[in-house]
Amino acid sequence: MRFIDSHVHLCEYQETISSLNQARSSGTMLLTSGIDKATSLESIDIAKNGRDLVKPFVGTHPSEARESANYDWFEGALREATGAGEIGLDPRYSEVTAGSTQRAVFVRQLEVAESLGKPIQVHSRGAEKQCLEILTSCRLDRVLMHWFESEADLKEVGDKGYFVSFGPALVNSKKLRRMASSLGTGHILTESDGPVTFRPLGGAGGPSLIPTVVFALAELWRVTFPEAEERVMRNGLSYLKMSGKT
């Protein structure tokens, strides 16, 4: 593999096989994330068809946390999956304060991931400080802060050894470019968050944009494209605890 899309939602693509074929032709490993029970189990099934190309992550997204929800499925699914994601906090959907359902769901999933030694992918939009506070109490050695946007908290993220994934928005966002420049190169991964699209890039989206993100990183790091490609892939293998290139 040459590239890694560390956060994509393959379940939301109508033509999953086409997406897998495109990724295979470009040498892009796909870390596909669920947002609830149905999409998590579907991610596992997709990975069975994708073999080494697809790594499934399972979990309950902040938007899906409900008082009456049953989360008994999570541990069994996580045992089959590569890691836990997309999990986290987001105040746009419901309360994230102590005692809230959303916070309880996040903490429970962290506890299971910790007990199984699995990597996690954290959604922290609007609740970066709360997520970091909770993560501090866990013993998780492989944490990915997905599309992290809190420049003020970036140093803490780097000091903790967490990974941060940057997507196609890196091409035109001055803030994200500052963040990617200040964070150590050993902490950075690339993502598409597909099927999200990007207007500045002509409405394009998905794993096919990962080389564009790598090119942007090469510019920021002042290295060649192959050097940036190798660094990011090495980070991805470290995050997944995989040795060598697949």
Protein backbone atom coordinates (compact mmCIF):
# COMPACT_ATOMS: atom_id res chain seq x y z
CA MET A 1 0.00 0.00 0.00
CA ARG A 2 1.12 3.55 -0.76
CA PHE A 3 -1.58 5.60 0.94
CA ILE A 4 -3.93 5.39 3.90
CA ASP A 5 -7.39 6.87 4.25
CA SER A 6 -7.62 6.72 8.03
CA HIS A 7 -11.26 7.78 8.23
CA VAL A 8 -13.90 7.01 5.61
CA HIS A 9 -17.49 5.75 5.74
CA LEU A 10 -17.71 3.08 3.06
CA CYS A 11 -21.22 2.16 4.21
CA GLU A 12 -22.47 5.46 2.82
CA TYR A 13 -21.32 4.69 -0.72
CA GLN A 14 -23.89 3.09 -3.00
CA GLU A 15 -21.17 1.53 -5.15
CA THR A 16 -18.95 -0.02 -2.49
CA ILE A 17 -17.26 -2.44 -4.89
CA SER A 18 -16.35 0.43 -7.20
CA SER A 19 -14.84 2.33 -4.26
CA LEU A 20 -12.80 -0.73 -3.28
CA ASN A 21 -11.54 -1.22 -6.82
CA GLN A 22 -10.46 2.41 -7.06
CA ALA A 23 -8.65 2.18 -3.73
CA ARG A 24 -6.95 -1.03 -4.76
CA SER A 25 -5.72 0.48 -8.02
CA SER A 26 -4.20 3.46 -6.21
CA GLY A 27 -2.80 1.41 -3.35
CA THR A 28 -4.93 3.09 -0.67
CA MET A 29 -5.72 1.30 2.58
CA LEU A 30 -9.18 2.19 3.88
CA LEU A 31 -10.10 2.48 7.55
CA THR A 32 -13.88 2.44 7.36
CA SER A 33 -15.87 3.70 10.35
CA GLY A 34 -19.34 2.86 11.57
CA ILE A 35 -21.64 5.29 13.35
CA ASP A 36 -24.14 2.81 14.86
CA LYS A 37 -24.80 -0.92 15.13
CA ALA A 38 -25.99 -1.36 11.53
CA THR A 39 -23.13 0.52 9.86
CA SER A 40 -20.58 -1.01 12.21
CA LEU A 41 -21.61 -4.54 11.34
CA GLU A 42 -21.72 -3.58 7.67
CA SER A 43 -18.16 -2.23 7.96
CA ILE A 44 -17.04 -5.63 9.23
CA ASP A 45 -18.74 -7.33 6.28
CA ILE A 46 -17.15 -4.94 3.79
CA ALA A 47 -13.74 -5.69 5.27
CA LYS A 48 -14.30 -9.41 4.73
CA ASN A 49 -14.67 -8.70 1.02
CA GLY A 50 -11.84 -6.18 0.96
CA ARG A 51 -9.32 -8.41 2.73
CA ASP A 52 -6.15 -6.47 3.59
CA LEU A 53 -7.45 -3.37 1.79
CA VAL A 54 -10.11 -2.50 4.40
CA LYS A 55 -9.79 -2.19 8.18
CA PRO A 56 -13.17 -1.90 9.95
CA PHE A 57 -13.84 0.36 12.91
CA VAL A 58 -17.06 0.09 14.91
CA GLY A 59 -18.87 2.35 17.31
CA THR A 60 -21.65 4.75 18.14
CA HIS A 61 -21.28 8.31 16.84
CA PRO A 62 -22.36 11.18 19.15
CA SER A 63 -25.35 11.82 16.89
CA GLU A 64 -26.62 8.30 17.57
CA ALA A 65 -26.45 8.28 21.38
CA ARG A 66 -29.94 7.68 22.78
CA GLU A 67 -31.34 7.00 26.24
CA SER A 68 -33.06 3.82 25.10
CA ALA A 69 -30.29 2.50 22.87
CA ASN A 70 -28.88 -0.97 23.45
CA TYR A 71 -25.08 -1.09 23.24
CA ASP A 72 -24.63 -4.76 24.15
CA TRP A 73 -23.53 -5.45 20.58
CA PHE A 74 -20.44 -3.24 20.78
CA GLU A 75 -17.96 -5.50 22.56
CA GLY A 76 -18.65 -8.46 20.28
CA ALA A 77 -18.32 -6.29 17.19
CA LEU A 78 -15.12 -4.69 18.44
CA ARG A 79 -13.55 -8.11 18.96
CA GLU A 80 -14.00 -8.70 15.22
CA ALA A 81 -13.01 -5.19 14.17
CA THR A 82 -9.68 -3.40 13.88
CA GLY A 83 -10.69 -0.63 16.26
CA ALA A 84 -13.37 1.61 17.75
CA GLY A 85 -14.73 4.54 15.77
CA GLU A 86 -16.36 6.82 15.12
CA ILE A 87 -16.86 7.60 18.79
CA GLY A 88 -16.65 10.81 20.78
CA LEU A 89 -18.55 13.92 21.85
CA ASP A 90 -20.38 16.69 20.00
CA PRO A 91 -22.61 19.25 21.77
CA ARG A 92 -24.58 19.88 18.58
CA TYR A 93 -26.49 16.66 19.13
CA SER A 94 -27.09 16.52 22.88
CA GLU A 95 -25.52 17.38 26.23
CA VAL A 96 -21.91 16.31 26.77
CA THR A 97 -21.70 17.26 30.45
CA ALA A 98 -21.07 14.82 33.29
CA GLY A 99 -24.02 12.46 33.65
CA SER A 100 -25.20 12.92 30.05
CA THR A 101 -26.06 9.94 27.89
CA GLN A 102 -23.65 10.98 25.16
CA ARG A 103 -20.76 11.16 27.59
CA ALA A 104 -21.68 7.80 29.16
CA VAL A 105 -21.77 6.13 25.74
CA PHE A 106 -18.34 7.56 24.86
CA VAL A 107 -16.78 6.49 28.15
CA ARG A 108 -18.23 2.98 27.93
CA GLN A 109 -16.81 2.50 24.44
CA LEU A 110 -13.40 3.73 25.59
CA GLU A 111 -13.45 1.25 28.45
CA VAL A 112 -14.17 -1.66 26.11
CA ALA A 113 -11.51 -0.52 23.62
CA GLU A 114 -8.99 -0.23 26.43
CA SER A 115 -9.80 -3.71 27.74
CA LEU A 116 -9.34 -5.20 24.26
CA GLY A 117 -6.25 -3.15 23.38
CA LYS A 118 -7.85 -1.64 20.28
CA PRO A 119 -7.07 1.71 18.60
CA ILE A 120 -9.76 4.39 18.61
CA GLN A 121 -10.96 7.21 16.34
CA VAL A 122 -12.33 10.21 18.20
CA HIS A 123 -14.89 12.76 17.00
CA SER A 124 -14.35 15.84 19.16
CA ARG A 125 -15.93 18.77 17.32
CA GLY A 126 -16.97 21.43 19.80
CA ALA A 127 -15.91 19.25 22.73
CA GLU A 128 -12.16 18.98 22.28
CA LYS A 129 -11.29 19.78 25.88
CA GLN A 130 -13.90 17.39 27.26
CA CYS A 131 -12.65 14.57 25.02
CA LEU A 132 -9.03 15.14 26.02
CA GLU A 133 -9.99 15.23 29.69
CA ILE A 134 -11.75 11.88 29.42
CA LEU A 135 -8.97 10.31 27.35
CA THR A 136 -6.44 11.27 30.03
CA SER A 137 -8.11 8.83 32.42
CA CYS A 138 -7.75 5.94 29.95
CA ARG A 139 -4.79 3.76 29.07
CA LEU A 140 -5.05 3.88 25.31
CA ASP A 141 -1.81 3.84 23.35
CA ARG A 142 -3.34 4.40 19.89
CA VAL A 143 -5.65 7.39 19.68
CA LEU A 144 -6.59 9.15 16.45
CA MET A 145 -8.19 12.59 16.75
CA HIS A 146 -10.28 12.65 13.57
CA TRP A 147 -10.46 16.05 11.81
CA PHE A 148 -9.21 17.79 14.98
CA GLU A 149 -9.65 21.57 14.73
CA SER A 150 -8.67 22.99 18.13
CA GLU A 151 -5.40 24.78 17.51
CA ALA A 152 -5.21 25.75 21.19
CA ASP A 153 -5.22 22.10 22.28
CA LEU A 154 -2.89 20.78 19.59
CA LYS A 155 0.23 20.82 21.77
CA GLU A 156 -1.50 18.65 24.38
CA VAL A 157 -2.52 16.20 21.67
CA GLY A 158 1.06 15.99 20.41
CA ASP A 159 2.49 15.66 23.92
CA LYS A 160 0.19 12.73 24.59
CA GLY A 161 1.39 11.00 21.42
CA TYR A 162 -2.01 11.01 19.77
CA PHE A 163 -2.39 10.96 16.00
CA VAL A 164 -4.27 13.69 14.12
CA SER A 165 -5.80 13.08 10.70
CA PHE A 166 -5.96 15.82 8.09
CA GLY A 167 -8.28 15.74 5.10
CA PRO A 168 -8.68 17.57 1.78
CA ALA A 169 -9.58 20.78 3.66
CA LEU A 170 -5.85 21.03 4.36
CA VAL A 171 -5.38 22.26 0.80
CA ASN A 172 -7.08 25.62 1.41
CA SER A 173 -7.44 26.02 5.20
CA LYS A 174 -4.80 28.32 6.69
CA LYS A 175 -5.57 27.11 10.21
CA LEU A 176 -5.22 23.45 9.32
CA ARG A 177 -2.00 24.16 7.47
CA ARG A 178 -0.61 25.90 10.58
CA MET A 179 -1.64 22.93 12.68
CA ALA A 180 -0.11 20.37 10.33
CA SER A 181 3.10 22.42 10.23
CA SER A 182 3.42 22.66 14.00
CA LEU A 183 2.55 19.05 14.80
CA GLY A 184 5.36 16.53 14.57
CA THR A 185 5.39 14.59 11.31
CA GLY A 186 5.21 11.34 13.27
CA HIS A 187 1.73 12.21 14.54
CA ILE A 188 -0.05 12.89 11.24
CA LEU A 189 -2.40 10.69 9.21
CA THR A 190 -4.51 11.43 6.15
CA GLU A 191 -8.27 11.03 5.80
CA SER A 192 -11.07 11.78 3.37
CA ASP A 193 -14.07 11.49 5.71
CA GLY A 194 -15.86 10.30 2.57
CA PRO A 195 -18.48 10.71 1.33
CA VAL A 196 -17.95 14.32 2.51
CA THR A 197 -17.20 16.56 -0.49
CA PHE A 198 -15.12 19.74 -0.74
CA ARG A 199 -16.36 22.76 -2.69
CA PRO A 200 -12.88 24.33 -3.17
CA LEU A 201 -11.85 21.09 -4.88
CA GLY A 202 -14.72 21.18 -7.32
CA GLY A 203 -17.07 19.17 -5.12
CA ALA A 204 -14.78 16.14 -5.14
CA GLY A 205 -14.47 13.81 -2.18
CA GLY A 206 -13.50 10.33 -1.05
CA PRO A 207 -10.31 8.25 -0.92
CA SER A 208 -9.19 9.42 -4.37
CA LEU A 209 -8.22 12.75 -2.74
CA ILE A 210 -5.71 11.21 -0.34
CA PRO A 211 -2.73 11.79 -2.72
CA THR A 212 -3.78 15.46 -2.84
CA VAL A 213 -3.56 15.64 0.95
CA VAL A 214 -0.16 13.95 0.89
CA PHE A 215 1.03 16.50 -1.68
CA ALA A 216 -0.11 19.33 0.62
CA LEU A 217 1.84 17.76 3.48
CA ALA A 218 4.93 17.42 1.29
CA GLU A 219 4.76 21.16 0.62
CA LEU A 220 4.40 21.99 4.30
CA TRP A 221 7.20 19.64 5.34
CA ARG A 222 9.39 20.72 2.42
CA VAL A 223 10.04 17.15 1.36
CA THR A 224 9.39 15.23 -1.83
CA PHE A 225 6.03 13.61 -2.49
CA PRO A 226 7.46 10.07 -2.08
CA GLU A 227 9.02 11.09 1.25
CA ALA A 228 5.71 12.46 2.54
CA GLU A 229 3.92 9.37 1.22
CA GLU A 230 6.33 7.10 3.10
CA ARG A 231 6.10 9.09 6.35
CA VAL A 232 2.32 9.05 6.44
CA MET A 233 2.11 5.36 5.60
CA ARG A 234 4.65 4.59 8.32
CA ASN A 235 2.47 6.51 10.78
CA GLY A 236 -0.55 4.52 9.67
CA LEU A 237 1.21 1.21 10.17
CA SER A 238 2.28 2.36 13.63
CA TYR A 239 -1.29 3.31 14.50
CA LEU A 240 -2.51 -0.11 13.36
CA LYS A 241 0.47 -1.95 14.87
CA MET A 242 1.31 -3.44 11.51
CA SER A 243 4.86 -4.08 10.38
CA GLY A 244 6.11 -3.35 6.88
CA LYS A 245 4.11 -2.29 3.85
CA THR A 246 1.18 -4.46 2.83
